[in-house]
Protein backbone atom coordinates (compact mmCIF):
# COMPACT_ATOMS: atom_id res chain seq x y z
CA MET A 1 4.75 -11.92 -24.85
CA PRO A 2 6.13 -10.67 -28.19
CA SER A 3 5.77 -13.36 -30.84
CA GLY A 4 8.79 -14.81 -32.60
CA LEU A 5 11.23 -14.02 -29.79
CA SER A 6 11.96 -16.64 -27.17
CA ASP A 7 12.12 -16.04 -23.43
CA SER A 8 15.63 -17.41 -23.31
CA LEU A 9 16.95 -14.97 -25.92
CA ARG A 10 15.46 -11.97 -24.14
CA ALA A 11 16.63 -13.16 -20.71
CA SER A 12 20.17 -13.63 -22.04
CA SER A 13 20.13 -10.04 -23.33
CA TYR A 14 19.57 -8.79 -19.80
CA GLU A 15 22.12 -11.17 -18.34
CA ALA A 16 24.70 -9.79 -20.76
CA GLY A 17 24.51 -6.54 -18.81
CA MET A 18 22.59 -4.30 -21.20
CA SER A 19 22.41 -0.75 -19.82
CA SER A 20 19.09 -0.09 -21.55
CA SER A 21 16.45 -2.39 -22.94
CA PRO A 22 15.19 -2.14 -26.52
CA ALA A 23 11.50 -1.97 -27.32
CA PHE A 24 9.76 -5.22 -28.18
CA LYS A 25 6.73 -5.32 -30.44
CA SER A 26 3.98 -7.89 -30.73
CA GLY A 27 1.17 -7.23 -33.14
CA SER A 28 0.05 -3.66 -32.61
CA VAL A 29 1.63 -3.26 -29.15
CA THR A 30 5.14 -1.99 -28.44
CA VAL A 31 6.58 -2.20 -24.93
CA ARG A 32 9.62 -0.06 -24.18
CA PRO A 33 11.50 1.06 -21.08
CA VAL A 34 10.99 4.46 -19.50
CA GLU A 35 14.11 6.47 -20.25
CA ASP A 36 13.59 10.20 -19.66
CA ALA A 37 11.35 12.85 -18.11
CA ALA A 38 8.84 12.70 -20.95
CA ASP A 39 8.53 8.95 -20.50
CA ARG A 40 8.08 9.31 -16.74
CA LYS A 41 5.31 11.83 -17.35
CA ALA A 42 3.61 9.42 -19.75
CA PHE A 43 4.05 6.59 -17.23
CA VAL A 44 2.25 8.61 -14.54
CA ASP A 45 -0.39 10.10 -16.84
CA ILE A 46 -1.55 6.85 -18.45
CA ALA A 47 -3.23 5.80 -15.19
CA PHE A 48 -5.39 8.91 -15.41
CA GLU A 49 -6.36 8.22 -19.02
CA LEU A 50 -7.28 4.58 -18.45
CA ASN A 51 -9.23 5.11 -15.22
CA ARG A 52 -10.96 8.41 -15.91
CA GLY A 53 -14.27 6.69 -16.70
CA ASP A 54 -14.36 4.73 -13.43
CA PRO A 55 -16.51 6.66 -10.94
CA ASN A 56 -14.78 4.97 -8.00
CA TRP A 57 -11.18 5.63 -9.06
CA VAL A 58 -9.52 8.43 -7.08
CA PRO A 59 -6.73 10.30 -8.92
CA PRO A 60 -3.49 10.16 -6.91
CA LEU A 61 -1.41 13.29 -6.52
CA LYS A 62 0.99 13.20 -9.46
CA THR A 63 3.80 14.66 -7.39
CA GLU A 64 3.51 11.67 -5.03
CA VAL A 65 3.72 9.16 -7.88
CA HIS A 66 6.73 10.91 -9.41
CA SER A 67 8.43 10.88 -6.01
CA LEU A 68 7.67 7.17 -5.60
CA ILE A 69 9.40 6.15 -8.85
CA ASP A 70 12.37 8.52 -8.51
CA LYS A 71 15.49 6.97 -6.97
CA ARG A 72 16.62 10.47 -5.94
CA THR A 73 13.67 10.88 -3.58
CA ASN A 74 12.52 7.39 -2.57
CA PRO A 75 14.91 5.65 -0.14
CA TRP A 76 13.42 2.26 -1.11
CA PHE A 77 15.89 2.36 -3.99
CA GLY A 78 18.68 2.09 -1.43
CA HIS A 79 18.03 -1.67 -1.29
CA ALA A 80 16.08 -2.29 -4.50
CA GLU A 81 16.14 -1.72 -8.23
CA ALA A 82 13.20 -1.20 -10.57
CA ARG A 83 12.61 -0.86 -14.28
CA PHE A 84 9.54 0.90 -15.62
CA PHE A 85 7.90 0.07 -18.94
CA LEU A 86 5.35 1.77 -21.19
CA ALA A 87 3.10 -0.01 -23.66
CA GLU A 88 2.19 1.91 -26.80
CA ARG A 89 -0.15 1.30 -29.70
CA ASP A 90 0.24 3.48 -32.79
CA GLY A 91 2.55 5.70 -30.79
CA GLU A 92 0.05 6.33 -27.99
CA PRO A 93 0.50 5.04 -24.41
CA VAL A 94 -1.92 2.21 -23.55
CA GLY A 95 -0.40 0.71 -20.41
CA ARG A 96 2.45 0.55 -17.94
CA ILE A 97 4.20 -1.81 -15.53
CA SER A 98 7.17 -1.90 -13.17
CA ALA A 99 9.51 -4.82 -12.49
CA GLN A 100 11.60 -4.77 -9.34
CA VAL A 101 14.11 -6.76 -7.33
CA ASP A 102 14.39 -5.92 -3.63
CA GLN A 103 17.37 -7.19 -1.67
CA GLN A 104 15.27 -7.22 1.51
CA VAL A 105 12.72 -9.49 -0.17
CA LEU A 106 15.51 -11.81 -1.30
CA ALA A 107 16.70 -12.03 2.32
CA MET A 108 13.25 -12.95 3.67
CA PRO A 109 12.42 -16.45 4.90
CA ALA A 110 10.56 -18.40 2.22
CA GLU A 111 7.63 -19.01 4.56
CA GLN A 112 7.08 -15.24 4.68
CA GLY A 113 6.67 -15.02 0.93
CA GLY A 114 10.15 -14.01 -0.18
CA GLY A 115 13.60 -15.53 -0.34
CA PRO A 116 16.23 -15.97 -3.05
CA GLY A 117 14.82 -15.76 -6.56
CA VAL A 118 11.58 -13.89 -5.74
CA GLY A 119 11.04 -10.80 -7.88
CA HIS A 120 8.10 -8.41 -8.05
CA TRP A 121 6.12 -6.41 -10.58
CA GLY A 122 3.50 -3.71 -10.11
CA MET A 123 2.16 -0.27 -11.02
CA PHE A 124 0.10 -2.20 -13.54
CA GLU A 125 -2.35 -0.47 -15.89
CA ALA A 126 -3.56 -1.81 -19.23
CA ALA A 127 -6.10 -0.79 -21.84
CA ASP A 128 -7.00 -4.35 -22.84
CA ALA A 129 -6.01 -8.00 -22.58
CA GLU A 130 -3.39 -7.81 -25.34
CA VAL A 131 -1.63 -4.92 -23.63
CA ALA A 132 -1.80 -6.70 -20.28
CA ALA A 133 -0.18 -9.84 -21.66
CA GLU A 134 2.66 -7.90 -23.27
CA LEU A 135 3.36 -5.85 -20.16
CA ILE A 136 3.38 -8.81 -17.79
CA GLY A 137 5.58 -10.73 -20.20
CA ARG A 138 8.05 -7.88 -20.36
CA ALA A 139 8.21 -7.58 -16.57
CA GLU A 140 8.85 -11.32 -16.36
CA ASP A 141 11.69 -10.96 -18.89
CA PHE A 142 13.34 -8.37 -16.67
CA LEU A 143 13.03 -10.64 -13.64
CA ARG A 144 14.46 -13.63 -15.52
CA GLY A 145 17.35 -11.43 -16.57
CA ARG A 146 18.03 -10.81 -12.89
CA ARG A 147 17.95 -14.59 -12.31
CA MET A 148 14.62 -14.51 -10.49
CA ARG A 149 12.73 -17.81 -10.38
CA VAL A 150 9.37 -16.54 -9.09
CA ALA A 151 7.33 -13.47 -10.03
CA GLN A 152 4.93 -11.92 -7.51
CA GLY A 153 2.66 -8.98 -7.98
CA PRO A 154 1.36 -6.47 -8.00
CA TYR A 155 3.48 -4.42 -5.61
CA SER A 156 3.52 -0.71 -6.34
CA LEU A 157 6.40 -0.61 -5.43
CA SER A 158 6.65 -2.49 -2.14
CA ILE A 159 4.50 -4.06 0.56
CA TRP A 160 4.50 -0.61 2.23
CA ASP A 161 3.02 1.19 -0.78
CA GLU A 162 -0.01 -0.26 -2.62
CA PRO A 163 0.24 -4.07 -2.59
CA GLY A 164 -2.22 -6.38 -4.27
CA LEU A 165 -4.78 -6.36 -7.06
CA LEU A 166 -8.29 -5.34 -6.08
CA VAL A 167 -10.58 -8.37 -6.58
CA LYS A 168 -13.52 -7.41 -4.34
CA GLY A 169 -14.96 -3.99 -3.52
CA PHE A 170 -15.23 -2.27 -6.89
CA ASP A 171 -18.51 -0.56 -5.96
CA HIS A 172 -17.01 2.14 -3.73
CA PRO A 173 -13.89 4.33 -3.84
CA PRO A 174 -10.72 3.41 -1.95
CA THR A 175 -9.60 5.28 1.12
CA VAL A 176 -6.31 7.11 1.41
CA MET A 177 -3.20 5.10 0.39
CA MET A 178 -5.27 2.22 -1.02
CA GLY A 179 -5.33 1.17 -4.66
CA HIS A 180 -8.20 0.74 -7.08
CA ASN A 181 -8.17 -0.99 -10.46
CA SER A 182 -10.44 -2.24 -13.20
CA ALA A 183 -12.32 -5.46 -12.49
CA ASP A 184 -10.94 -6.77 -15.82
CA TYR A 185 -7.41 -7.01 -14.44
CA GLU A 186 -8.09 -10.13 -12.38
CA ALA A 187 -8.86 -12.23 -15.47
CA TRP A 188 -5.95 -10.75 -17.41
CA VAL A 189 -3.43 -11.54 -14.65
CA GLU A 190 -4.75 -15.06 -14.21
CA ALA A 191 -4.63 -15.59 -17.99
CA ALA A 192 -0.88 -14.96 -17.75
CA GLY A 193 -0.59 -18.02 -15.49
CA TYR A 194 -0.72 -16.41 -12.06
CA LYS A 195 -2.33 -17.91 -8.96
CA GLY A 196 -3.32 -16.08 -5.82
CA VAL A 197 -0.84 -16.55 -2.98
CA LYS A 198 -2.17 -14.15 -0.31
CA ASP A 199 -5.26 -11.99 0.20
CA LEU A 200 -5.16 -8.64 1.99
CA MET A 201 -8.48 -7.44 3.36
CA THR A 202 -10.02 -4.21 4.60
CA CYS A 203 -12.95 -4.05 6.98
CA GLU A 204 -15.38 -1.20 7.61
CA LEU A 205 -17.49 -0.32 10.63
CA ASN A 206 -20.01 2.26 11.73
CA ILE A 207 -18.09 4.41 14.21
CA ALA A 208 -21.00 6.76 14.90
CA GLN A 209 -22.39 4.11 17.22
CA PRO A 210 -20.67 2.73 20.33
CA LEU A 211 -18.62 -0.42 20.12
CA PRO A 212 -20.33 -3.65 21.25
CA PRO A 213 -20.93 -3.95 25.03
CA ILE A 214 -18.27 -6.60 25.57
CA VAL A 215 -15.66 -4.35 23.97
CA GLN A 216 -16.81 -1.42 26.07
CA ARG A 217 -16.32 -3.51 29.22
CA ILE A 218 -12.79 -4.45 28.16
CA VAL A 219 -11.98 -0.80 27.48
CA ALA A 220 -13.43 0.31 30.83
CA SER A 221 -11.34 -2.31 32.62
CA GLY A 222 -8.22 -0.97 30.94
CA GLU A 223 -9.10 2.59 31.91
CA ARG A 224 -9.14 1.50 35.57
CA ASN A 225 -5.71 -0.10 35.26
CA PRO A 226 -3.06 2.40 36.48
CA ARG A 227 -0.35 0.53 34.54
CA ILE A 228 -1.94 1.47 31.19
CA ARG A 229 -1.77 4.87 29.54
CA ILE A 230 -3.14 5.73 26.10
CA ARG A 231 -1.66 8.98 24.87
CA SER A 232 -1.80 11.11 21.73
CA VAL A 233 1.35 11.79 19.75
CA ALA A 234 3.03 15.17 20.06
CA LYS A 235 3.35 16.77 16.63
CA SER A 236 5.94 19.19 18.01
CA ARG A 237 8.34 16.25 18.27
CA PHE A 238 6.91 14.16 15.50
CA ASP A 239 10.24 12.90 14.13
CA GLU A 240 10.90 11.27 17.49
CA GLU A 241 7.32 9.95 17.71
CA ALA A 242 7.48 8.56 14.14
CA ALA A 243 10.71 6.72 14.88
CA LEU A 244 9.14 5.27 18.05
CA ILE A 245 6.00 4.12 16.23
CA LEU A 246 7.81 2.61 13.26
CA GLY A 247 10.25 0.90 15.62
CA ILE A 248 7.29 -0.83 17.28
CA LEU A 249 5.96 -1.65 13.81
CA ASN A 250 9.21 -3.31 12.71
CA ASP A 251 9.03 -5.51 15.82
CA ALA A 252 5.29 -6.18 15.75
CA TRP A 253 5.08 -7.14 12.08
CA SER A 254 8.39 -8.99 11.80
CA ASP A 255 6.79 -12.44 11.51
CA ASN A 256 4.06 -11.37 9.07
CA TRP A 257 3.89 -12.70 5.53
CA GLY A 258 5.46 -10.22 3.13
CA PHE A 259 7.13 -8.16 5.84
CA VAL A 260 10.29 -6.26 5.00
CA PRO A 261 11.77 -4.00 7.69
CA LEU A 262 11.77 -0.27 7.14
CA THR A 263 15.27 1.19 7.07
CA ASP A 264 16.17 4.30 9.07
CA GLU A 265 16.03 6.31 5.84
CA GLU A 266 12.58 4.95 5.01
CA ILE A 267 11.34 5.70 8.53
CA ALA A 268 12.51 9.30 8.16
CA TYR A 269 10.94 9.51 4.69
CA ALA A 270 7.62 8.12 5.92
CA GLY A 271 7.61 10.51 8.87
CA LYS A 272 8.23 13.49 6.58
CA LYS A 273 5.36 12.46 4.30
CA LEU A 274 2.96 11.84 7.17
CA LYS A 275 3.67 14.96 9.19
CA PRO A 276 1.43 17.35 7.17
CA VAL A 277 -1.55 15.02 7.63
CA VAL A 278 -0.95 14.10 11.26
CA PHE A 279 -3.69 14.95 13.73
CA GLU A 280 -2.53 14.29 17.26
CA ASP A 281 -5.79 12.83 18.54
CA LEU A 282 -5.94 10.29 15.69
CA ILE A 283 -2.56 8.71 16.37
CA ARG A 284 -2.22 7.04 19.76
CA ILE A 285 0.50 5.19 21.61
CA ALA A 286 -0.23 2.69 24.38
CA GLU A 287 2.20 2.56 27.29
CA VAL A 288 2.39 -0.11 29.99
CA GLU A 289 4.27 0.99 33.10
CA GLY A 290 5.73 3.85 31.04
CA GLU A 291 6.98 1.66 28.17
CA PRO A 292 5.50 2.24 24.68
CA VAL A 293 4.24 -1.16 23.53
CA ALA A 294 1.48 -0.51 20.98
CA PHE A 295 0.26 2.15 18.58
CA MET A 296 -2.52 2.93 16.13
CA ILE A 297 -2.27 5.38 13.23
CA THR A 298 -5.51 6.78 11.87
CA LEU A 299 -5.85 9.21 8.98
CA PRO A 300 -8.80 11.21 7.77
CA ASP A 301 -9.68 9.90 4.34
CA LEU A 302 -7.65 12.39 2.36
CA ASN A 303 -9.17 11.02 -0.84
CA GLU A 304 -12.26 13.02 0.09
CA PHE A 305 -10.08 16.17 -0.08
CA THR A 306 -8.06 15.36 -3.22
CA ARG A 307 -10.55 13.61 -5.47
CA ASP A 308 -11.53 16.79 -7.34
CA LEU A 309 -7.91 17.96 -7.84
CA ASP A 310 -7.30 15.55 -10.75
CA GLY A 311 -3.87 14.78 -9.34
CA ARG A 312 -2.65 18.38 -9.55
CA LEU A 313 -1.48 20.49 -6.63
CA PHE A 314 -0.67 23.49 -8.82
CA PRO A 315 -1.69 26.13 -9.50
CA PHE A 316 -4.70 25.96 -7.13
CA GLY A 317 -4.84 22.41 -5.75
CA TRP A 318 -2.27 23.02 -3.01
CA ALA A 319 -4.24 25.97 -1.61
CA LYS A 320 -7.46 23.94 -1.67
CA LEU A 321 -5.81 21.04 0.11
CA LEU A 322 -4.24 23.22 2.80
CA TRP A 323 -7.58 24.91 3.44
CA ARG A 324 -9.38 21.58 3.75
CA LEU A 325 -6.75 20.26 6.15
CA ARG A 326 -7.11 23.21 8.54
CA GLN A 327 -10.27 21.80 10.11
CA PRO A 328 -10.93 18.53 8.30
CA LYS A 329 -14.42 17.10 8.31
CA VAL A 330 -14.69 13.69 6.68
CA ARG A 331 -17.07 10.79 6.38
CA THR A 332 -14.37 8.13 6.72
CA VAL A 333 -11.20 7.62 8.73
CA ARG A 334 -8.76 4.82 7.92
CA VAL A 335 -6.45 2.81 10.15
CA PRO A 336 -3.52 1.88 7.91
CA LEU A 337 -1.21 0.68 10.67
CA MET A 338 -1.44 -0.65 14.18
CA GLY A 339 0.71 -3.02 16.15
CA VAL A 340 1.64 -4.49 19.51
CA VAL A 341 5.19 -5.52 20.38
CA LYS A 342 5.85 -9.16 19.66
CA ARG A 343 6.38 -10.22 23.27
CA LEU A 344 2.80 -9.23 24.14
CA GLN A 345 1.09 -10.67 21.09
CA SER A 346 -1.47 -13.43 21.72
CA THR A 347 -2.02 -12.13 25.27
CA ARG A 348 -5.21 -10.69 26.77
CA LEU A 349 -3.33 -7.45 27.38
CA ALA A 350 -2.59 -7.09 23.66
CA SER A 351 -6.28 -7.38 22.80
CA GLN A 352 -7.20 -4.94 25.55
CA LEU A 353 -4.71 -2.37 24.28
CA ALA A 354 -6.01 -2.78 20.73
CA PHE A 355 -9.61 -2.22 21.80
CA MET A 356 -8.60 0.81 23.88
CA LEU A 357 -6.74 2.36 20.95
CA ILE A 358 -9.71 1.76 18.65
CA GLU A 359 -12.19 3.24 21.12
CA TYR A 360 -10.15 6.33 21.96
CA ILE A 361 -9.64 7.11 18.29
CA ARG A 362 -13.28 6.32 17.49
CA ARG A 363 -14.38 8.93 20.03
CA ALA A 364 -12.04 11.56 18.60
CA SER A 365 -13.01 10.77 15.01
CA VAL A 366 -16.70 11.31 15.72
CA ALA A 367 -16.34 14.31 18.03
CA ASN A 368 -13.66 16.25 16.17
CA TYR A 369 -13.94 15.20 12.51
CA ASP A 370 -17.64 14.31 12.09
CA ALA A 371 -16.64 10.86 10.84
CA THR A 372 -19.26 8.11 10.73
CA ARG A 373 -17.32 5.32 9.02
CA GLY A 374 -14.05 3.64 9.87
CA GLU A 375 -11.91 1.37 7.73
CA ILE A 376 -9.23 -0.96 9.09
CA GLY A 377 -6.71 -2.48 6.76
CA TRP A 378 -5.22 -4.00 5.12
CA ILE A 379 -5.33 -7.23 7.16
CA LEU A 380 -3.62 -10.45 6.07
CA GLU A 381 -6.18 -13.19 5.46
CA ASP A 382 -4.46 -15.45 8.01
CA ASN A 383 -3.94 -12.80 10.69
CA VAL A 384 -6.24 -14.44 13.21
CA GLY A 385 -5.68 -11.81 15.90
CA MET A 386 -6.63 -8.83 13.75
CA ARG A 387 -9.56 -10.68 12.17
CA SER A 388 -10.86 -11.46 15.66
CA ILE A 389 -10.57 -7.79 16.67
CA ALA A 390 -12.42 -6.75 13.51
CA GLU A 391 -15.16 -9.27 14.21
CA ALA A 392 -15.48 -8.18 17.86
CA THR A 393 -15.99 -4.56 16.79
CA ASP A 394 -18.76 -5.56 14.33
CA SER A 395 -16.59 -4.72 11.32
CA THR A 396 -17.50 -6.21 7.95
CA LEU A 397 -15.29 -7.14 4.99
CA ASN A 398 -15.50 -4.51 2.26
CA ARG A 399 -12.42 -4.91 0.01
CA VAL A 400 -9.98 -7.69 -0.92
CA TYR A 401 -6.61 -7.22 -2.59
CA ARG A 402 -4.78 -10.27 -3.93
CA ILE A 403 -1.06 -10.95 -4.33
CA TYR A 404 -0.37 -13.29 -7.24
CA GLU A 405 2.57 -15.59 -7.89
CA LYS A 406 3.98 -17.51 -10.85
CA PRO A 407 7.09 -19.66 -11.35
CA LEU A 408 9.36 -18.28 -14.06
């Protein structure tokens, strides 16, 4: 934190209702709030500058990042506020961070990781340990000014975006919608007094080979059951299908640590973003006696298509991406979301439906997209059901993301 200026003084400045926050300087580092379009551009671009030398970092599409942090486009801001900060040294950007307070997190039960007084920070990038300390300190100041008693992070911006700091799996690039950061960040965050509160894991498996025999028998049994139907989504009515899937998700995940329900506006926003990359045979819904009770969303690893675009869709990136999406062939497919309605969880039927969804999508991934590798995640470290399914399909742990927490 900036030397010579106490936490209490800075917190009281925020509590006094300041409309904008002045820059604070410590040593050679100045941390100031993002105020205008030029600052937002610098906030997005600094991630590219700091990570360019990492062979496993995949540049995000800059338009997506700008949309994420813009309250005019991201409906998350309907129930949350965020402040974005840039760190500069000698006038040049050297880091960034967000600090955010989400009313839905404040309303969560404490046992699910939220509750009154729990604020978040994220979108963290830093050139060195000094920059990291100043940025984290400034985010904490913002949270204290909003009367938060606990800081958690990183969340960029919410549990539905890119949660957690990568602490295992630096030797290979992330799949679509997963974060990647320098291995140095773990020590820098812990030096600021943070302790891990929850690990989120991803698991990979070889999908070019059949699932283990016991899983195949479970799937075959389900295929003989006339009550069960596994169907593809219909892209022609995708808005309706997206609302159905995310409605199941809100029910299925409601008891999970960190869960915040998606609002109707966020469901519509997510559906709009997903529609261009939806492939009907990779998103399946399980019905029992005609009732939709489970789903699995799988995406081709779009990072394989966008990695060489350097974050730019224009002037030529958009045409390249559209061409690649016409008949996508990928090495990896990722399962970002799956769920079974709460009333069926912990039943044999729930496991059977999960295995059937995995197998049907595995077949399509290999036959239609030439995929050989699947990735499932993230999975909460204490989600026994999903860890058992991963183990039964011969999946192995490949990445771990950690949520940190600190009393303020």
